[in-house]
Amino acid sequence: MNDMKIKKGDKVKVIYGKDKGKEGVVEKIYRKSRKVLIPGINLYKRHIKKNQKMPQGGIIEVPQPLDVSKIMIVCPKCKKPTRTGFVIEKEKKFRICKKCENKI
């Protein structure tokens, strides 16, 4: 399987779907299904039965994982959504921004 170019803690922008244009920080990565979890993005309503935490029960909003193809990483230097490339320096592999050639 191809290596994912997005890591936990990266700032990303949604480029497709109902949350198009929103930005967030990656919280969790699911490598096998190639999805990422971003808090506050791709929210769905979930019905909860009565329990000790919620004695009333009710409806809560839960973030669902989003496919990697629907997001782009935001470069910390030029602040634009960009594709990423790799460069190897002194036996270390770094990700670089394709727009400004800066290390991410």
PDB file of N, CA and C in Angstrom:
ATOM      1  N   MET A   1       0.848  -1.197   0.000  1.00  0.00           N
ATOM      2  CA  MET A   1       0.000   0.000   0.000  1.00  0.00           C
ATOM      3  C   MET A   1       0.881   1.243   0.000  1.00  0.00           C
ATOM      4  N   ASN A   2       0.449   2.251  -0.708  1.00  0.00           N
ATOM      5  CA  ASN A   2       1.191   3.497  -0.823  1.00  0.00           C
ATOM      6  C   ASN A   2       1.191   4.252   0.504  1.00  0.00           C
ATOM      7  N   ASP A   3       2.302   4.889   0.827  1.00  0.00           N
ATOM      8  CA  ASP A   3       2.434   5.639   2.074  1.00  0.00           C
ATOM      9  C   ASP A   3       1.560   6.892   2.039  1.00  0.00           C
ATOM     10  N   MET A   4       0.888   7.177   3.150  1.00  0.00           N
ATOM     11  CA  MET A   4       0.040   8.374   3.222  1.00  0.00           C
ATOM     12  C   MET A   4       0.909   9.603   3.476  1.00  0.00           C
ATOM     13  N   LYS A   5       0.580  10.698   2.822  1.00  0.00           N
ATOM     14  CA  LYS A   5       1.385  11.911   2.940  1.00  0.00           C
ATOM     15  C   LYS A   5       0.864  12.846   4.021  1.00  0.00           C
ATOM     16  N   ILE A   6      -0.149  12.406   4.772  1.00  0.00           N
ATOM     17  CA  ILE A   6      -0.728  13.225   5.828  1.00  0.00           C
ATOM     18  C   ILE A   6      -0.457  12.562   7.166  1.00  0.00           C
ATOM     19  N   LYS A   7      -0.097  13.372   8.165  1.00  0.00           N
ATOM     20  CA  LYS A   7       0.220  12.850   9.494  1.00  0.00           C
ATOM     21  C   LYS A   7      -0.674  13.498  10.535  1.00  0.00           C
ATOM     22  N   LYS A   8      -0.711  12.902  11.716  1.00  0.00           N
ATOM     23  CA  LYS A   8      -1.467  13.444  12.838  1.00  0.00           C
ATOM     24  C   LYS A   8      -0.903  14.824  13.195  1.00  0.00           C
ATOM     25  N   GLY A   9      -1.780  15.801  13.392  1.00  0.00           N
ATOM     26  CA  GLY A   9      -1.339  17.149  13.742  1.00  0.00           C
ATOM     27  C   GLY A   9      -1.218  18.089  12.556  1.00  0.00           C
ATOM     28  N   ASP A  10      -1.350  17.573  11.335  1.00  0.00           N
ATOM     29  CA  ASP A  10      -1.280  18.422  10.138  1.00  0.00           C
ATOM     30  C   ASP A  10      -2.538  19.265   9.999  1.00  0.00           C
ATOM     31  N   LYS A  11      -2.364  20.509   9.556  1.00  0.00           N
ATOM     32  CA  LYS A  11      -3.513  21.364   9.246  1.00  0.00           C
ATOM     33  C   LYS A  11      -3.934  21.054   7.820  1.00  0.00           C
ATOM     34  N   VAL A  12      -5.225  20.745   7.640  1.00  0.00           N
ATOM     35  CA  VAL A  12      -5.720  20.368   6.321  1.00  0.00           C
ATOM     36  C   VAL A  12      -6.959  21.178   5.958  1.00  0.00           C
ATOM     37  N   LYS A  13      -7.246  21.227   4.650  1.00  0.00           N
ATOM     38  CA  LYS A  13      -8.423  21.911   4.135  1.00  0.00           C
ATOM     39  C   LYS A  13      -9.243  20.914   3.327  1.00  0.00           C
ATOM     40  N   VAL A  14     -10.571  20.921   3.528  1.00  0.00           N
ATOM     41  CA  VAL A  14     -11.461  20.029   2.801  1.00  0.00           C
ATOM     42  C   VAL A  14     -11.704  20.623   1.419  1.00  0.00           C
ATOM     43  N   ILE A  15     -11.514  19.795   0.372  1.00  0.00           N
ATOM     44  CA  ILE A  15     -11.652  20.290  -0.999  1.00  0.00           C
ATOM     45  C   ILE A  15     -12.854  19.713  -1.724  1.00  0.00           C
ATOM     46  N   TYR A  16     -13.589  18.803  -1.052  1.00  0.00           N
ATOM     47  CA  TYR A  16     -14.710  18.149  -1.708  1.00  0.00           C
ATOM     48  C   TYR A  16     -15.741  17.731  -0.668  1.00  0.00           C
ATOM     49  N   GLY A  17     -17.027  17.860  -1.008  1.00  0.00           N
ATOM     50  CA  GLY A  17     -18.081  17.371  -0.128  1.00  0.00           C
ATOM     51  C   GLY A  17     -18.830  18.482   0.582  1.00  0.00           C
ATOM     52  N   LYS A  18     -19.630  18.093   1.568  1.00  0.00           N
ATOM     53  CA  LYS A  18     -20.514  19.049   2.242  1.00  0.00           C
ATOM     54  C   LYS A  18     -19.762  20.073   3.089  1.00  0.00           C
ATOM     55  N   ASP A  19     -18.540  19.756   3.508  1.00  0.00           N
ATOM     56  CA  ASP A  19     -17.737  20.674   4.323  1.00  0.00           C
ATOM     57  C   ASP A  19     -16.634  21.352   3.516  1.00  0.00           C
ATOM     58  N   LYS A  20     -16.821  21.482   2.213  1.00  0.00           N
ATOM     59  CA  LYS A  20     -15.814  22.069   1.334  1.00  0.00           C
ATOM     60  C   LYS A  20     -15.417  23.463   1.818  1.00  0.00           C
ATOM     61  N   GLY A  21     -14.096  23.706   1.899  1.00  0.00           N
ATOM     62  CA  GLY A  21     -13.590  25.012   2.315  1.00  0.00           C
ATOM     63  C   GLY A  21     -13.224  25.096   3.779  1.00  0.00           C
ATOM     64  N   LYS A  22     -13.692  24.158   4.602  1.00  0.00           N
ATOM     65  CA  LYS A  22     -13.383  24.189   6.036  1.00  0.00           C
ATOM     66  C   LYS A  22     -11.976  23.667   6.295  1.00  0.00           C
ATOM     67  N   GLU A  23     -11.360  24.195   7.369  1.00  0.00           N
ATOM     68  CA  GLU A  23     -10.024  23.763   7.759  1.00  0.00           C
ATOM     69  C   GLU A  23     -10.056  23.149   9.144  1.00  0.00           C
ATOM     70  N   GLY A  24      -9.126  22.252   9.404  1.00  0.00           N
ATOM     71  CA  GLY A  24      -9.029  21.614  10.706  1.00  0.00           C
ATOM     72  C   GLY A  24      -7.695  20.911  10.858  1.00  0.00           C
ATOM     73  N   VAL A  25      -7.482  20.327  12.052  1.00  0.00           N
ATOM     74  CA  VAL A  25      -6.238  19.624  12.352  1.00  0.00           C
ATOM     75  C   VAL A  25      -6.540  18.135  12.474  1.00  0.00           C
ATOM     76  N   VAL A  26      -5.720  17.303  11.840  1.00  0.00           N
ATOM     77  CA  VAL A  26      -5.925  15.855  11.843  1.00  0.00           C
ATOM     78  C   VAL A  26      -5.724  15.312  13.257  1.00  0.00           C
ATOM     79  N   GLU A  27      -6.731  14.572  13.741  1.00  0.00           N
ATOM     80  CA  GLU A  27      -6.683  14.008  15.095  1.00  0.00           C
ATOM     81  C   GLU A  27      -6.261  12.539  15.083  1.00  0.00           C
ATOM     82  N   LYS A  28      -6.748  11.776  14.085  1.00  0.00           N
ATOM     83  CA  LYS A  28      -6.445  10.355  14.018  1.00  0.00           C
ATOM     84  C   LYS A  28      -6.399   9.913  12.560  1.00  0.00           C
ATOM     85  N   ILE A  29      -5.550   8.914  12.290  1.00  0.00           N
ATOM     86  CA  ILE A  29      -5.408   8.393  10.932  1.00  0.00           C
ATOM     87  C   ILE A  29      -5.755   6.910  10.923  1.00  0.00           C
ATOM     88  N   TYR A  30      -6.563   6.517   9.926  1.00  0.00           N
ATOM     89  CA  TYR A  30      -6.899   5.114   9.720  1.00  0.00           C
ATOM     90  C   TYR A  30      -6.208   4.676   8.433  1.00  0.00           C
ATOM     91  N   ARG A  31      -5.052   4.019   8.553  1.00  0.00           N
ATOM     92  CA  ARG A  31      -4.216   3.685   7.398  1.00  0.00           C
ATOM     93  C   ARG A  31      -4.862   2.675   6.458  1.00  0.00           C
ATOM     94  N   LYS A  32      -5.483   1.622   6.998  1.00  0.00           N
ATOM     95  CA  LYS A  32      -6.045   0.574   6.137  1.00  0.00           C
ATOM     96  C   LYS A  32      -7.152   1.108   5.240  1.00  0.00           C
ATOM     97  N   SER A  33      -8.037   1.928   5.802  1.00  0.00           N
ATOM     98  CA  SER A  33      -9.151   2.457   5.008  1.00  0.00           C
ATOM     99  C   SER A  33      -8.812   3.798   4.354  1.00  0.00           C
ATOM    100  N   ARG A  34      -7.590   4.319   4.585  1.00  0.00           N
ATOM    101  CA  ARG A  34      -7.111   5.589   4.027  1.00  0.00           C
ATOM    102  C   ARG A  34      -8.052   6.743   4.358  1.00  0.00           C
ATOM    103  N   LYS A  35      -8.400   6.849   5.657  1.00  0.00           N
ATOM    104  CA  LYS A  35      -9.274   7.918   6.117  1.00  0.00           C
ATOM    105  C   LYS A  35      -8.630   8.646   7.282  1.00  0.00           C
ATOM    106  N   VAL A  36      -9.083   9.890   7.516  1.00  0.00           N
ATOM    107  CA  VAL A  36      -8.584  10.687   8.638  1.00  0.00           C
ATOM    108  C   VAL A  36      -9.766  11.260   9.410  1.00  0.00           C
ATOM    109  N   LEU A  37      -9.557  11.469  10.704  1.00  0.00           N
ATOM    110  CA  LEU A  37     -10.592  12.043  11.565  1.00  0.00           C
ATOM    111  C   LEU A  37     -10.198  13.475  11.901  1.00  0.00           C
ATOM    112  N   ILE A  38     -11.087  14.422  11.587  1.00  0.00           N
ATOM    113  CA  ILE A  38     -10.844  15.839  11.852  1.00  0.00           C
ATOM    114  C   ILE A  38     -11.995  16.341  12.716  1.00  0.00           C
ATOM    115  N   PRO A  39     -11.729  16.775  13.960  1.00  0.00           N
ATOM    116  CA  PRO A  39     -12.815  17.237  14.831  1.00  0.00           C
ATOM    117  C   PRO A  39     -13.542  18.444  14.243  1.00  0.00           C
ATOM    118  N   GLY A  40     -14.874  18.421  14.305  1.00  0.00           N
ATOM    119  CA  GLY A  40     -15.683  19.537  13.820  1.00  0.00           C
ATOM    120  C   GLY A  40     -15.989  19.476  12.334  1.00  0.00           C
ATOM    121  N   ILE A  41     -15.459  18.479  11.630  1.00  0.00           N
ATOM    122  CA  ILE A  41     -15.692  18.350  10.193  1.00  0.00           C
ATOM    123  C   ILE A  41     -16.320  16.989   9.907  1.00  0.00           C
ATOM    124  N   ASN A  42     -17.241  16.956   8.952  1.00  0.00           N
ATOM    125  CA  ASN A  42     -17.970  15.744   8.567  1.00  0.00           C
ATOM    126  C   ASN A  42     -18.794  15.214   9.750  1.00  0.00           C
ATOM    127  N   LEU A  43     -19.558  16.117  10.376  1.00  0.00           N
ATOM    128  CA  LEU A  43     -20.363  15.754  11.540  1.00  0.00           C
ATOM    129  C   LEU A  43     -21.668  15.086  11.133  1.00  0.00           C
ATOM    130  N   TYR A  44     -22.030  14.048  11.887  1.00  0.00           N
ATOM    131  CA  TYR A  44     -23.302  13.359  11.694  1.00  0.00           C
ATOM    132  C   TYR A  44     -24.012  13.242  13.027  1.00  0.00           C
ATOM    133  N   LYS A  45     -25.340  13.223  12.985  1.00  0.00           N
ATOM    134  CA  LYS A  45     -26.122  13.119  14.215  1.00  0.00           C
ATOM    135  C   LYS A  45     -26.253  11.653  14.609  1.00  0.00           C
ATOM    136  N   ARG A  46     -26.120  11.404  15.919  1.00  0.00           N
ATOM    137  CA  ARG A  46     -26.225  10.054  16.456  1.00  0.00           C
ATOM    138  C   ARG A  46     -27.194  10.063  17.613  1.00  0.00           C
ATOM    139  N   HIS A  47     -28.148   9.130  17.602  1.00  0.00           N
ATOM    140  CA  HIS A  47     -29.131   9.029  18.668  1.00  0.00           C
ATOM    141  C   HIS A  47     -28.573   8.183  19.807  1.00  0.00           C
ATOM    142  N   ILE A  48     -28.646   8.714  21.037  1.00  0.00           N
ATOM    143  CA  ILE A  48     -28.094   8.045  22.214  1.00  0.00           C
ATOM    144  C   ILE A  48     -29.224   7.645  23.158  1.00  0.00           C
ATOM    145  N   LYS A  49     -29.179   6.384  23.620  1.00  0.00           N
ATOM    146  CA  LYS A  49     -30.145   5.923  24.617  1.00  0.00           C
ATOM    147  C   LYS A  49     -29.809   6.534  25.972  1.00  0.00           C
ATOM    148  N   LYS A  50     -30.758   6.463  26.908  1.00  0.00           N
ATOM    149  CA  LYS A  50     -30.496   6.952  28.257  1.00  0.00           C
ATOM    150  C   LYS A  50     -29.357   6.147  28.875  1.00  0.00           C
ATOM    151  N   ASN A  51     -28.425   6.852  29.548  1.00  0.00           N
ATOM    152  CA  ASN A  51     -27.360   6.187  30.295  1.00  0.00           C
ATOM    153  C   ASN A  51     -26.915   7.108  31.420  1.00  0.00           C
ATOM    154  N   GLN A  52     -25.880   6.717  32.150  1.00  0.00           N
ATOM    155  CA  GLN A  52     -25.459   7.540  33.294  1.00  0.00           C
ATOM    156  C   GLN A  52     -24.862   8.874  32.865  1.00  0.00           C
ATOM    157  N   LYS A  53     -24.160   8.892  31.744  1.00  0.00           N
ATOM    158  CA  LYS A  53     -23.586  10.153  31.249  1.00  0.00           C
ATOM    159  C   LYS A  53     -24.676  11.107  30.782  1.00  0.00           C
ATOM    160  N   MET A  54     -25.647  10.555  30.035  1.00  0.00           N
ATOM    161  CA  MET A  54     -26.757  11.355  29.512  1.00  0.00           C
ATOM    162  C   MET A  54     -28.069  10.761  30.024  1.00  0.00           C
ATOM    163  N   PRO A  55     -28.524  11.193  31.217  1.00  0.00           N
ATOM    164  CA  PRO A  55     -29.740  10.609  31.784  1.00  0.00           C
ATOM    165  C   PRO A  55     -30.988  10.872  30.925  1.00  0.00           C
ATOM    166  N   GLN A  56     -30.936  11.901  30.085  1.00  0.00           N
ATOM    167  CA  GLN A  56     -32.050  12.253  29.234  1.00  0.00           C
ATOM    168  C   GLN A  56     -32.028  11.468  27.915  1.00  0.00           C
ATOM    169  N   GLY A  57     -30.814  11.032  27.503  1.00  0.00           N
ATOM    170  CA  GLY A  57     -30.652  10.483  26.159  1.00  0.00           C
ATOM    171  C   GLY A  57     -30.562  11.651  25.193  1.00  0.00           C
ATOM    172  N   GLY A  58     -30.785  11.414  23.920  1.00  0.00           N
ATOM    173  CA  GLY A  58     -30.844  12.532  22.983  1.00  0.00           C
ATOM    174  C   GLY A  58     -30.016  12.320  21.739  1.00  0.00           C
ATOM    175  N   ILE A  59     -29.778  13.429  21.035  1.00  0.00           N
ATOM    176  CA  ILE A  59     -29.068  13.407  19.763  1.00  0.00           C
ATOM    177  C   ILE A  59     -27.767  14.187  19.928  1.00  0.00           C
ATOM    178  N   ILE A  60     -26.646  13.550  19.561  1.00  0.00           N
ATOM    179  CA  ILE A  60     -25.359  14.240  19.617  1.00  0.00           C
ATOM    180  C   ILE A  60     -24.739  14.230  18.223  1.00  0.00           C
ATOM    181  N   GLU A  61     -23.798  15.163  17.990  1.00  0.00           N
ATOM    182  CA  GLU A  61     -23.098  15.208  16.714  1.00  0.00           C
ATOM    183  C   GLU A  61     -21.736  14.544  16.868  1.00  0.00           C
ATOM    184  N   VAL A  62     -21.423  13.622  15.954  1.00  0.00           N
ATOM    185  CA  VAL A  62     -20.189  12.849  16.007  1.00  0.00           C
ATOM    186  C   VAL A  62     -19.422  13.051  14.700  1.00  0.00           C
ATOM    187  N   PRO A  63     -18.113  13.351  14.773  1.00  0.00           N
ATOM    188  CA  PRO A  63     -17.340  13.460  13.529  1.00  0.00           C
ATOM    189  C   PRO A  63     -17.076  12.077  12.945  1.00  0.00           C
ATOM    190  N   GLN A  64     -17.249  11.949  11.631  1.00  0.00           N
ATOM    191  CA  GLN A  64     -16.983  10.688  10.924  1.00  0.00           C
ATOM    192  C   GLN A  64     -15.657  10.826  10.170  1.00  0.00           C
ATOM    193  N   PRO A  65     -14.931   9.717   9.976  1.00  0.00           N
ATOM    194  CA  PRO A  65     -13.686   9.797   9.208  1.00  0.00           C
ATOM    195  C   PRO A  65     -13.946  10.254   7.771  1.00  0.00           C
ATOM    196  N   LEU A  66     -12.982  10.976   7.221  1.00  0.00           N
ATOM    197  CA  LEU A  66     -13.081  11.549   5.884  1.00  0.00           C
ATOM    198  C   LEU A  66     -11.982  10.941   5.019  1.00  0.00           C
ATOM    199  N   ASP A  67     -12.283  10.642   3.761  1.00  0.00           N
ATOM    200  CA  ASP A  67     -11.304  10.035   2.873  1.00  0.00           C
ATOM    201  C   ASP A  67     -10.154  10.996   2.590  1.00  0.00           C
ATOM    202  N   VAL A  68      -8.947  10.459   2.464  1.00  0.00           N
ATOM    203  CA  VAL A  68      -7.746  11.270   2.244  1.00  0.00           C
ATOM    204  C   VAL A  68      -7.826  12.054   0.932  1.00  0.00           C
ATOM    205  N   SER A  69      -8.520  11.502  -0.072  1.00  0.00           N
ATOM    206  CA  SER A  69      -8.610  12.169  -1.365  1.00  0.00           C
ATOM    207  C   SER A  69      -9.434  13.451  -1.310  1.00  0.00           C
ATOM    208  N   LYS A  70     -10.196  13.661  -0.233  1.00  0.00           N
ATOM    209  CA  LYS A  70     -11.053  14.838  -0.126  1.00  0.00           C
ATOM    210  C   LYS A  70     -10.414  15.990   0.639  1.00  0.00           C
ATOM    211  N   ILE A  71      -9.165  15.817   1.067  1.00  0.00           N
ATOM    212  CA  ILE A  71      -8.493  16.873   1.825  1.00  0.00           C
ATOM    213  C   ILE A  71      -7.134  17.188   1.218  1.00  0.00           C
ATOM    214  N   MET A  72      -6.665  18.417   1.495  1.00  0.00           N
ATOM    215  CA  MET A  72      -5.321  18.831   1.079  1.00  0.00           C
ATOM    216  C   MET A  72      -4.615  19.439   2.274  1.00  0.00           C
ATOM    217  N   ILE A  73      -3.329  19.171   2.370  1.00  0.00           N
ATOM    218  CA  ILE A  73      -2.537  19.717   3.471  1.00  0.00           C
ATOM    219  C   ILE A  73      -2.310  21.216   3.228  1.00  0.00           C
ATOM    220  N   VAL A  74      -2.315  22.017   4.305  1.00  0.00           N
ATOM    221  CA  VAL A  74      -2.083  23.460   4.212  1.00  0.00           C
ATOM    222  C   VAL A  74      -0.636  23.721   4.624  1.00  0.00           C
ATOM    223  N   CYS A  75       0.118  24.351   3.735  1.00  0.00           N
ATOM    224  CA  CYS A  75       1.533  24.652   3.997  1.00  0.00           C
ATOM    225  C   CYS A  75       1.635  25.677   5.134  1.00  0.00           C
ATOM    226  N   PRO A  76       2.479  25.410   6.147  1.00  0.00           N
ATOM    227  CA  PRO A  76       2.605  26.365   7.260  1.00  0.00           C
ATOM    228  C   PRO A  76       3.258  27.688   6.858  1.00  0.00           C
ATOM    229  N   LYS A  77       4.054  27.691   5.772  1.00  0.00           N
ATOM    230  CA  LYS A  77       4.739  28.922   5.360  1.00  0.00           C
ATOM    231  C   LYS A  77       3.871  29.795   4.457  1.00  0.00           C
ATOM    232  N   CYS A  78       3.378  29.206   3.334  1.00  0.00           N
ATOM    233  CA  CYS A  78       2.627  30.021   2.372  1.00  0.00           C
ATOM    234  C   CYS A  78       1.118  30.019   2.641  1.00  0.00           C
ATOM    235  N   LYS A  79       0.650  29.227   3.621  1.00  0.00           N
ATOM    236  CA  LYS A  79      -0.757  29.189   4.066  1.00  0.00           C
ATOM    237  C   LYS A  79      -1.737  28.810   2.962  1.00  0.00           C
ATOM    238  N   LYS A  80      -1.266  28.037   1.965  1.00  0.00           N
ATOM    239  CA  LYS A  80      -2.133  27.621   0.868  1.00  0.00           C
ATOM    240  C   LYS A  80      -2.257  26.100   0.863  1.00  0.00           C
ATOM    241  N   PRO A  81      -3.429  25.578   0.424  1.00  0.00           N
ATOM    242  CA  PRO A  81      -3.535  24.127   0.283  1.00  0.00           C
ATOM    243  C   PRO A  81      -2.612  23.665  -0.846  1.00  0.00           C
ATOM    244  N   THR A  82      -1.869  22.609  -0.593  1.00  0.00           N
ATOM    245  CA  THR A  82      -0.860  22.195  -1.552  1.00  0.00           C
ATOM    246  C   THR A  82      -0.706  20.683  -1.609  1.00  0.00           C
ATOM    247  N   ARG A  83      -0.106  20.213  -2.689  1.00  0.00           N
ATOM    248  CA  ARG A  83       0.296  18.816  -2.765  1.00  0.00           C
ATOM    249  C   ARG A  83       1.653  18.702  -2.079  1.00  0.00           C
ATOM    250  N   THR A  84       2.004  17.495  -1.672  1.00  0.00           N
ATOM    251  CA  THR A  84       3.280  17.326  -0.992  1.00  0.00           C
ATOM    252  C   THR A  84       4.193  16.426  -1.804  1.00  0.00           C
ATOM    253  N   GLY A  85       5.475  16.685  -1.691  1.00  0.00           N
ATOM    254  CA  GLY A  85       6.487  15.850  -2.319  1.00  0.00           C
ATOM    255  C   GLY A  85       7.473  15.427  -1.247  1.00  0.00           C
ATOM    256  N   PHE A  86       8.409  14.589  -1.626  1.00  0.00           N
ATOM    257  CA  PHE A  86       9.416  14.133  -0.676  1.00  0.00           C
ATOM    258  C   PHE A  86      10.796  14.500  -1.181  1.00  0.00           C
ATOM    259  N   VAL A  87      11.705  14.789  -0.239  1.00  0.00           N
ATOM    260  CA  VAL A  87      13.103  15.042  -0.561  1.00  0.00           C
ATOM    261  C   VAL A  87      13.930  14.330   0.511  1.00  0.00           C
ATOM    262  N   ILE A  88      15.059  13.753   0.092  1.00  0.00           N
ATOM    263  CA  ILE A  88      15.913  13.024   1.039  1.00  0.00           C
ATOM    264  C   ILE A  88      17.207  13.808   1.228  1.00  0.00           C
ATOM    265  N   GLU A  89      17.487  14.174   2.490  1.00  0.00           N
ATOM    266  CA  GLU A  89      18.703  14.899   2.835  1.00  0.00           C
ATOM    267  C   GLU A  89      19.401  14.172   3.976  1.00  0.00           C
ATOM    268  N   LYS A  90      20.642  13.811   3.789  1.00  0.00           N
ATOM    269  CA  LYS A  90      21.453  13.123   4.806  1.00  0.00           C
ATOM    270  C   LYS A  90      20.712  11.925   5.408  1.00  0.00           C
ATOM    271  N   GLU A  91      20.177  11.080   4.531  1.00  0.00           N
ATOM    272  CA  GLU A  91      19.470   9.852   4.907  1.00  0.00           C
ATOM    273  C   GLU A  91      18.203  10.097   5.728  1.00  0.00           C
ATOM    274  N   LYS A  92      17.642  11.290   5.666  1.00  0.00           N
ATOM    275  CA  LYS A  92      16.362  11.603   6.305  1.00  0.00           C
ATOM    276  C   LYS A  92      15.380  12.050   5.233  1.00  0.00           C
ATOM    277  N   LYS A  93      14.139  11.609   5.375  1.00  0.00           N
ATOM    278  CA  LYS A  93      13.112  11.918   4.384  1.00  0.00           C
ATOM    279  C   LYS A  93      12.233  13.051   4.913  1.00  0.00           C
ATOM    280  N   PHE A  94      12.061  14.111   4.128  1.00  0.00           N
ATOM    281  CA  PHE A  94      11.241  15.255   4.514  1.00  0.00           C
ATOM    282  C   PHE A  94      10.122  15.451   3.508  1.00  0.00           C
ATOM    283  N   ARG A  95       8.985  15.962   3.999  1.00  0.00           N
ATOM    284  CA  ARG A  95       7.897  16.352   3.096  1.00  0.00           C
ATOM    285  C   ARG A  95       8.122  17.813   2.703  1.00  0.00           C
ATOM    286  N   ILE A  96       7.838  18.151   1.440  1.00  0.00           N
ATOM    287  CA  ILE A  96       7.990  19.531   1.001  1.00  0.00           C
ATOM    288  C   ILE A  96       6.701  19.990   0.324  1.00  0.00           C
ATOM    289  N   CYS A  97       6.473  21.307   0.415  1.00  0.00           N
ATOM    290  CA  CYS A  97       5.338  21.954  -0.258  1.00  0.00           C
ATOM    291  C   CYS A  97       5.674  22.082  -1.741  1.00  0.00           C
ATOM    292  N   LYS A  98       4.765  21.699  -2.617  1.00  0.00           N
ATOM    293  CA  LYS A  98       5.011  21.775  -4.054  1.00  0.00           C
ATOM    294  C   LYS A  98       4.923  23.207  -4.579  1.00  0.00           C
ATOM    295  N   LYS A  99       4.319  24.128  -3.783  1.00  0.00           N
ATOM    296  CA  LYS A  99       4.176  25.510  -4.242  1.00  0.00           C
ATOM    297  C   LYS A  99       5.378  26.370  -3.859  1.00  0.00           C
ATOM    298  N   CYS A 100       5.829  26.267  -2.591  1.00  0.00           N
ATOM    299  CA  CYS A 100       6.918  27.141  -2.144  1.00  0.00           C
ATOM    300  C   CYS A 100       8.218  26.389  -1.853  1.00  0.00           C
ATOM    301  N   GLU A 101       8.225  25.062  -2.079  1.00  0.00           N
ATOM    302  CA  GLU A 101       9.417  24.233  -1.891  1.00  0.00           C
ATOM    303  C   GLU A 101       9.943  24.259  -0.446  1.00  0.00           C
ATOM    304  N   ASN A 102       9.095  24.586   0.536  1.00  0.00           N
ATOM    305  CA  ASN A 102       9.488  24.643   1.937  1.00  0.00           C
ATOM    306  C   ASN A 102       9.199  23.311   2.610  1.00  0.00           C
ATOM    307  N   LYS A 103      10.002  22.945   3.616  1.00  0.00           N
ATOM    308  CA  LYS A 103       9.770  21.701   4.361  1.00  0.00           C
ATOM    309  C   LYS A 103       8.518  21.851   5.233  1.00  0.00           C
ATOM    310  N   ILE A 104       7.741  20.767   5.269  1.00  0.00           N
ATOM    311  CA  ILE A 104       6.516  20.779   6.092  1.00  0.00           C
ATOM    312  C   ILE A 104       6.819  20.080   7.399  1.00  0.00           C
TER     313      ILE A 104
END
